[in-house]
């Protein structure tokens, strides 16, 4: 599982770097903000995370990165 996570993180980093270093940094910052905000919301509303909220966070993360990519490529 640890090796799979490392491979996934490496592939994600390479894909982000294809946008340029500045865009990759912007995407990572936005992704961190989305994660922190959604985690805080989950803790406040339901006291933690569930499988459904983790799936929603994954989707929100993808949307955040795609938004940065669309802004940088337009």
Protein backbone atom coordinates (compact mmCIF):
# COMPACT_ATOMS: atom_id res chain seq x y z
CA UNK A 1 0.00 0.00 0.00
CA UNK A 2 2.85 2.38 0.81
CA UNK A 3 4.52 1.71 -2.53
CA UNK A 4 1.24 2.27 -4.38
CA UNK A 5 0.74 5.60 -2.61
CA UNK A 6 4.28 6.68 -3.50
CA UNK A 7 3.76 5.79 -7.16
CA UNK A 8 0.46 7.67 -7.21
CA UNK A 9 2.02 10.75 -5.62
CA UNK A 10 4.89 10.68 -8.12
CA UNK A 11 2.53 10.42 -11.08
CA UNK A 12 0.43 13.27 -9.70
CA UNK A 13 3.50 15.46 -9.23
CA UNK A 14 4.71 14.79 -12.78
CA UNK A 15 1.27 15.63 -14.16
CA UNK A 16 1.15 18.89 -12.18
CA UNK A 17 4.65 19.86 -13.27
CA UNK A 18 3.50 19.58 -16.89
CA UNK A 19 1.51 22.76 -16.16
CA UNK A 20 4.64 24.56 -14.98
CA UNK A 21 6.16 25.00 -11.55
CA UNK A 22 4.04 28.02 -10.59
CA UNK A 23 0.83 26.29 -11.58
CA UNK A 24 1.82 23.13 -9.73
CA UNK A 25 2.49 25.13 -6.58
CA UNK A 26 -0.83 26.98 -6.95
CA UNK A 27 -2.68 23.68 -7.38
CA UNK A 28 -1.03 22.20 -4.28
CA UNK A 29 -1.84 25.29 -2.21
CA UNK A 30 -5.48 25.24 -3.33
CA UNK A 31 -5.66 21.51 -2.68
CA UNK A 32 -4.34 22.03 0.85
CA UNK A 33 -6.89 24.78 1.50
CA UNK A 34 -9.74 22.61 0.21
CA UNK A 35 -8.59 19.71 2.38
CA UNK A 36 -8.27 21.85 5.52
CA UNK A 37 -11.61 23.57 4.97
CA UNK A 38 -13.53 20.39 4.25
CA UNK A 39 -11.91 18.55 7.16
CA UNK A 40 -12.92 21.38 9.47
CA UNK A 41 -16.47 21.25 8.15
CA UNK A 42 -16.65 17.48 8.67
CA UNK A 43 -15.35 17.79 12.22
CA UNK A 44 -17.83 20.56 13.05
CA UNK A 45 -20.88 18.93 11.46
CA UNK A 46 -20.48 15.21 12.13
CA UNK A 47 -17.49 14.96 14.45
CA UNK A 48 -15.14 13.30 11.97
CA UNK A 49 -14.90 11.69 8.58
CA UNK A 50 -16.71 8.81 6.93
CA UNK A 51 -16.12 6.96 3.71
CA UNK A 52 -18.63 9.21 1.99
CA UNK A 53 -16.91 12.39 3.13
CA UNK A 54 -13.52 11.05 2.06
CA UNK A 55 -14.96 10.32 -1.39
CA UNK A 56 -16.41 13.82 -1.53
CA UNK A 57 -13.03 15.26 -0.55
CA UNK A 58 -11.37 13.32 -3.36
CA UNK A 59 -13.84 14.80 -5.84
CA UNK A 60 -13.35 18.32 -4.44
CA UNK A 61 -9.60 17.86 -4.76
CA UNK A 62 -9.88 16.85 -8.39
CA UNK A 63 -12.13 19.84 -9.10
CA UNK A 64 -9.65 22.20 -7.43
CA UNK A 65 -6.71 20.91 -9.46
CA UNK A 66 -8.74 20.97 -12.69
CA UNK A 67 -9.76 24.58 -12.00
CA UNK A 68 -6.12 25.60 -11.62
CA UNK A 69 -5.22 23.70 -14.79
CA UNK A 70 -8.00 25.34 -16.79
CA UNK A 71 -6.99 28.83 -15.61
CA UNK A 72 -3.33 28.20 -16.41
CA UNK A 73 -4.01 26.70 -19.82
CA UNK A 74 -6.48 29.35 -20.98
